[in-house]
Protein backbone atom coordinates (compact mmCIF):
# COMPACT_ATOMS: atom_id res chain seq x y z
CA UNK A 1 20.06 -70.46 -23.39
CA UNK A 2 21.75 -67.29 -24.59
CA UNK A 3 22.83 -67.18 -28.22
CA UNK A 4 26.59 -66.84 -28.68
CA UNK A 5 27.40 -64.16 -31.23
CA UNK A 6 29.82 -65.40 -33.92
CA UNK A 7 33.46 -64.34 -33.76
CA UNK A 8 35.08 -62.14 -36.39
CA UNK A 9 36.91 -65.24 -37.66
CA UNK A 10 33.58 -67.05 -38.14
CA UNK A 11 32.12 -64.01 -39.90
CA UNK A 12 35.14 -63.96 -42.24
CA UNK A 13 34.54 -67.64 -42.97
CA UNK A 14 30.92 -66.89 -43.82
CA UNK A 15 31.98 -64.01 -46.06
CA UNK A 16 34.35 -66.30 -47.98
CA UNK A 17 31.51 -68.81 -48.39
CA UNK A 18 29.32 -66.11 -49.94
CA UNK A 19 31.98 -65.02 -52.42
CA UNK A 20 32.57 -68.68 -53.31
CA UNK A 21 28.83 -68.97 -54.03
CA UNK A 22 29.11 -66.02 -56.41
CA UNK A 23 31.55 -68.14 -58.41
CA UNK A 24 29.74 -71.50 -58.20
CA UNK A 25 26.24 -70.12 -58.72
CA UNK A 26 26.89 -67.23 -61.14
CA UNK A 27 30.40 -67.79 -62.53
CA UNK A 28 31.75 -64.57 -61.04
CA UNK A 29 35.28 -64.43 -59.60
CA UNK A 30 36.82 -67.68 -58.35
CA UNK A 31 36.57 -70.11 -55.44
CA UNK A 32 39.81 -69.01 -53.79
CA UNK A 33 40.05 -66.81 -50.71
CA UNK A 34 40.89 -63.18 -51.37
CA UNK A 35 41.00 -60.21 -49.03
CA UNK A 36 41.39 -57.75 -51.89
CA UNK A 37 38.76 -55.02 -51.59
CA UNK A 38 39.06 -54.41 -55.33
CA UNK A 39 38.24 -58.06 -56.02
CA UNK A 40 35.29 -58.03 -53.59
CA UNK A 41 33.88 -54.83 -55.08
CA UNK A 42 34.15 -56.34 -58.55
CA UNK A 43 32.08 -59.33 -57.38
CA UNK A 44 29.39 -57.07 -55.93
CA UNK A 45 29.28 -54.93 -59.07
CA UNK A 46 28.66 -58.04 -61.14
CA UNK A 47 26.05 -59.54 -58.82
CA UNK A 48 23.89 -56.40 -58.72
CA UNK A 49 23.49 -56.66 -62.51
CA UNK A 50 20.98 -59.45 -61.92
CA UNK A 51 22.88 -62.43 -63.33
CA UNK A 52 21.38 -65.68 -64.55
CA UNK A 53 22.32 -68.61 -62.28
CA UNK A 54 24.36 -71.59 -63.40
CA UNK A 55 22.57 -74.91 -63.86
CA UNK A 56 21.88 -76.61 -60.51
CA UNK A 57 22.91 -73.49 -58.59
CA UNK A 58 21.81 -73.47 -54.92
CA UNK A 59 21.32 -69.69 -55.16
CA UNK A 60 19.27 -68.30 -58.04
CA UNK A 61 19.13 -64.61 -57.14
CA UNK A 62 22.38 -62.66 -57.58
CA UNK A 63 20.79 -59.45 -56.28
CA UNK A 64 19.86 -61.09 -53.00
CA UNK A 65 23.32 -62.66 -52.72
CA UNK A 66 24.78 -59.16 -53.10
CA UNK A 67 22.46 -57.94 -50.31
CA UNK A 68 23.66 -60.73 -48.01
CA UNK A 69 27.30 -59.83 -48.67
CA UNK A 70 26.56 -56.20 -47.86
CA UNK A 71 24.81 -57.27 -44.65
CA UNK A 72 27.75 -59.39 -43.49
CA UNK A 73 30.08 -56.48 -44.27
CA UNK A 74 27.96 -54.23 -42.04
CA UNK A 75 28.05 -56.77 -39.22
CA UNK A 76 31.84 -57.10 -39.48
CA UNK A 77 32.22 -53.34 -39.42
CA UNK A 78 30.02 -53.09 -36.33
CA UNK A 79 32.02 -55.82 -34.58
CA UNK A 80 35.28 -54.01 -35.36
CA UNK A 81 33.84 -50.77 -34.01
CA UNK A 82 32.46 -52.66 -30.98
CA UNK A 83 28.89 -51.55 -31.67
CA UNK A 84 25.99 -52.74 -29.49
CA UNK A 85 25.72 -56.55 -29.61
CA UNK A 86 21.91 -56.55 -29.51
CA UNK A 87 21.79 -54.36 -32.62
CA UNK A 88 24.25 -56.65 -34.37
CA UNK A 89 22.14 -59.64 -33.39
CA UNK A 90 19.13 -58.06 -35.11
CA UNK A 91 21.15 -57.55 -38.29
CA UNK A 92 22.49 -61.11 -38.09
CA UNK A 93 18.97 -62.46 -37.67
CA UNK A 94 17.89 -60.49 -40.73
CA UNK A 95 20.81 -61.95 -42.69
CA UNK A 96 19.71 -65.49 -41.80
CA UNK A 97 16.30 -64.70 -43.26
CA UNK A 98 18.03 -63.39 -46.39
CA UNK A 99 20.09 -66.56 -46.63
CA UNK A 100 17.04 -68.76 -46.17
CA UNK A 101 15.31 -67.01 -49.05
CA UNK A 102 18.34 -66.97 -51.35
CA UNK A 103 19.62 -70.54 -50.95
CA UNK A 104 17.78 -73.79 -51.59
CA UNK A 105 20.46 -75.84 -49.80
CA UNK A 106 22.85 -75.21 -46.91
CA UNK A 107 25.76 -76.92 -48.66
CA UNK A 108 29.03 -75.22 -47.78
CA UNK A 109 27.54 -72.96 -45.11
CA UNK A 110 29.98 -72.78 -42.17
CA UNK A 111 28.89 -75.00 -39.28
CA UNK A 112 28.61 -72.05 -36.86
CA UNK A 113 25.63 -70.76 -38.85
CA UNK A 114 23.82 -73.91 -39.98
CA UNK A 115 21.58 -74.29 -36.92
CA UNK A 116 20.57 -70.63 -37.05
CA UNK A 117 19.39 -70.90 -40.66
CA UNK A 118 17.69 -74.22 -39.90
CA UNK A 119 15.94 -72.46 -37.03
CA UNK A 120 14.60 -69.81 -39.42
CA UNK A 121 13.35 -72.51 -41.79
CA UNK A 122 11.80 -74.50 -38.98
CA UNK A 123 9.92 -71.47 -37.63
CA UNK A 124 8.70 -70.52 -41.10
CA UNK A 125 7.46 -74.04 -41.74
CA UNK A 126 5.76 -74.35 -38.35
CA UNK A 127 4.05 -70.97 -38.58
CA UNK A 128 3.68 -70.75 -42.36
CA UNK A 129 -0.08 -70.18 -42.08
CA UNK A 130 0.48 -67.27 -39.68
CA UNK A 131 3.10 -65.71 -41.95
CA UNK A 132 0.97 -66.20 -45.07
CA UNK A 133 -1.93 -64.38 -43.43
CA UNK A 134 0.32 -61.39 -42.79
CA UNK A 135 1.46 -61.33 -46.39
CA UNK A 136 -2.21 -61.44 -47.47
CA UNK A 137 -2.82 -58.33 -45.34
CA UNK A 138 0.13 -56.61 -47.03
CA UNK A 139 -1.07 -57.54 -50.51
CA UNK A 140 -4.68 -56.56 -49.82
CA UNK A 141 -3.51 -53.17 -48.51
CA UNK A 142 -1.47 -52.61 -51.67
CA UNK A 143 -4.40 -53.51 -53.94
CA UNK A 144 -6.74 -51.12 -52.11
CA UNK A 145 -4.18 -48.33 -52.45
CA UNK A 146 -3.72 -49.00 -56.17
CA UNK A 147 -7.49 -49.04 -56.73
CA UNK A 148 -7.71 -45.55 -55.23
CA UNK A 149 -4.51 -43.91 -56.48
CA UNK A 150 -3.16 -46.05 -59.31
CA UNK A 151 -0.02 -48.15 -59.60
CA UNK A 152 3.23 -47.33 -57.83
CA UNK A 153 6.36 -46.33 -59.75
CA UNK A 154 8.57 -48.89 -58.02
CA UNK A 155 8.76 -51.38 -55.16
CA UNK A 156 10.28 -48.92 -52.71
CA UNK A 157 7.47 -46.42 -53.28
CA UNK A 158 4.87 -49.18 -52.96
CA UNK A 159 6.10 -50.33 -49.56
CA UNK A 160 6.59 -46.78 -48.26
CA UNK A 161 3.08 -45.91 -49.43
CA UNK A 162 1.37 -48.59 -47.32
CA UNK A 163 3.79 -49.40 -44.53
CA UNK A 164 1.98 -47.40 -41.84
CA UNK A 165 -1.35 -49.01 -42.70
CA UNK A 166 0.29 -52.45 -42.79
CA UNK A 167 1.89 -51.94 -39.38
CA UNK A 168 -1.48 -51.01 -37.88
CA UNK A 169 -3.19 -53.98 -39.54
CA UNK A 170 -0.47 -56.33 -38.30
CA UNK A 171 -0.90 -54.99 -34.76
CA UNK A 172 -4.63 -55.79 -34.88
CA UNK A 173 -3.91 -59.22 -36.36
CA UNK A 174 -1.31 -60.00 -33.67
CA UNK A 175 -3.67 -58.94 -30.91
CA UNK A 176 -6.52 -61.07 -32.30
CA UNK A 177 -4.17 -64.05 -32.65
CA UNK A 178 -3.01 -63.70 -29.03
CA UNK A 179 -6.59 -63.44 -27.74
CA UNK A 180 -7.54 -66.61 -29.63
CA UNK A 181 -4.53 -68.44 -28.15
CA UNK A 182 -5.45 -67.26 -24.65
CA UNK A 183 -9.03 -68.50 -25.10
CA UNK A 184 -7.79 -71.85 -26.41
CA UNK A 185 -5.59 -72.28 -23.34
CA UNK A 186 -8.46 -71.31 -21.01
CA UNK A 187 -10.75 -73.86 -22.66
CA UNK A 188 -8.06 -76.53 -22.44
CA UNK A 189 -7.56 -75.82 -18.73
CA UNK A 190 -11.32 -76.09 -18.16
CA UNK A 191 -11.45 -79.43 -20.02
CA UNK A 192 -8.57 -80.85 -18.01
CA UNK A 193 -10.06 -79.63 -14.74
CA UNK A 194 -13.47 -81.15 -15.60
CA UNK A 195 -11.90 -84.51 -16.43
CA UNK A 196 -9.93 -84.43 -13.19
CA UNK A 197 -13.05 -83.52 -11.20
CA UNK A 198 -15.05 -86.36 -12.78
CA UNK A 199 -12.29 -88.84 -12.00
CA UNK A 200 -12.02 -87.73 -8.37
CA UNK A 201 -15.80 -87.90 -7.92
CA UNK A 202 -16.31 -91.34 -9.43
CA UNK A 203 -12.83 -92.91 -9.55
CA UNK A 204 -14.21 -94.84 -12.47
CA UNK A 205 -11.81 -96.48 -14.95
CA UNK A 206 -13.96 -94.94 -17.69
CA UNK A 207 -11.97 -91.78 -17.17
CA UNK A 208 -8.64 -93.14 -18.35
CA UNK A 209 -6.49 -90.36 -16.92
CA UNK A 210 -3.66 -90.18 -14.45
CA UNK A 211 -4.45 -87.47 -11.87
CA UNK A 212 -0.78 -86.53 -11.35
CA UNK A 213 -0.15 -86.16 -15.10
CA UNK A 214 -3.34 -84.15 -15.52
CA UNK A 215 -2.41 -81.81 -12.69
CA UNK A 216 1.00 -81.28 -14.28
CA UNK A 217 -0.66 -80.44 -17.61
CA UNK A 218 -2.98 -77.97 -15.88
CA UNK A 219 -0.02 -76.30 -14.17
CA UNK A 220 1.83 -76.07 -17.48
CA UNK A 221 -1.23 -74.61 -19.20
CA UNK A 222 -1.67 -72.02 -16.44
CA UNK A 223 1.96 -70.95 -16.82
CA UNK A 224 1.44 -70.64 -20.56
CA UNK A 225 -1.75 -68.64 -19.99
CA UNK A 226 0.11 -66.26 -17.69
CA UNK A 227 2.90 -65.84 -20.24
CA UNK A 228 0.48 -65.02 -23.07
CA UNK A 229 -1.60 -62.69 -20.91
CA UNK A 230 1.39 -60.67 -19.71
CA UNK A 231 2.89 -60.47 -23.22
CA UNK A 232 -0.39 -59.16 -24.62
CA UNK A 233 -0.99 -56.65 -21.82
CA UNK A 234 2.57 -55.29 -22.05
CA UNK A 235 2.65 -55.32 -25.86
CA UNK A 236 5.59 -57.73 -25.82
CA UNK A 237 4.31 -60.47 -28.14
CA UNK A 238 7.32 -60.27 -30.49
CA UNK A 239 9.81 -60.37 -27.62
CA UNK A 240 8.05 -63.22 -25.79
CA UNK A 241 7.18 -65.36 -28.83
CA UNK A 242 9.78 -64.46 -31.52
CA UNK A 243 9.25 -67.65 -33.53
CA UNK A 244 5.49 -67.09 -33.72
CA UNK A 245 5.14 -63.35 -34.24
CA UNK A 246 7.22 -63.01 -37.38
CA UNK A 247 7.61 -59.80 -39.42
CA UNK A 248 8.47 -57.47 -36.57
CA UNK A 249 8.18 -53.83 -37.77
CA UNK A 250 11.47 -52.78 -36.15
CA UNK A 251 13.50 -55.52 -37.85
CA UNK A 252 14.05 -54.57 -41.52
CA UNK A 253 10.32 -54.60 -42.09
CA UNK A 254 10.41 -52.66 -45.36
CA UNK A 255 13.21 -54.80 -46.83
CA UNK A 256 11.32 -58.02 -46.13
CA UNK A 257 8.10 -56.69 -47.67
CA UNK A 258 9.98 -55.44 -50.73
CA UNK A 259 11.54 -58.86 -51.31
CA UNK A 260 8.17 -60.54 -50.89
CA UNK A 261 6.66 -58.23 -53.49
CA UNK A 262 9.44 -58.97 -55.98
CA UNK A 263 8.99 -62.74 -55.59
CA UNK A 264 5.56 -62.84 -57.27
CA UNK A 265 5.85 -61.42 -60.80
CA UNK A 266 2.10 -61.59 -61.46
CA UNK A 267 1.21 -59.61 -58.34
CA UNK A 268 4.17 -57.27 -58.86
CA UNK A 269 2.80 -56.30 -62.28
CA UNK A 270 -0.62 -55.59 -60.73
CA UNK A 271 0.71 -52.88 -58.44
CA UNK A 272 3.91 -51.57 -60.09
CA UNK A 273 3.93 -49.46 -63.28
CA UNK A 274 7.02 -50.95 -64.94
CA UNK A 275 6.87 -54.75 -65.44
CA UNK A 276 9.38 -56.72 -63.39
CA UNK A 277 12.59 -57.43 -65.34
CA UNK A 278 12.79 -60.99 -66.64
């Protein structure tokens, strides 16, 4: 099913929600709607100072909230200028990842966007091990670089200094993952076929299987095998399995890695010269 891109009205509703969160989470501005550009710029100027959150705030990072507001502004601008929808969809997807990281709860999020953010959280939870392994690759690459050349001056320099190596390492990791999945499917097909063959040869109740159901499973597995094989051969793993192959290089790769680096203060201080602000 094709994803319906939100209307400008829905984007405006989301924007208001974000400015309201600036007030409820950081005490900046107010919870009333305002289209004043001066007011909105004031909110952004305050958020980028790195404010301490209010008690029980659902968003604890004012810098990331400011980034989300800037992202929604870019999307609205693109919609007004009638820019390419596919490009806007990439930016919107990135914003949902930002929102997921910034907010602990979805309270107050307009209904048009709730399922999209839930989808991001569901994919991250389901494939957390896969995502964690990629972050390990990123961190290991940074450490090796620091051991050779010393610490980086800042986060931006750190990511730029290793991003090519990380992209190559991710490509190898993705390929290996796909090959393992293909082999798993092949083995599963062989197991199902063997069970079916044994049942047909003996028709013994020991083999508690239903031939029709087994044949359906085999057909489904073969379709899955074909899908994986084609995606790997055409280098289309991200396009074919977007909820599995996370951290796509073309989709704000550097921004995501920078945010990940900032999240862990201990690791940050291992690779960056200036300690992370507290």
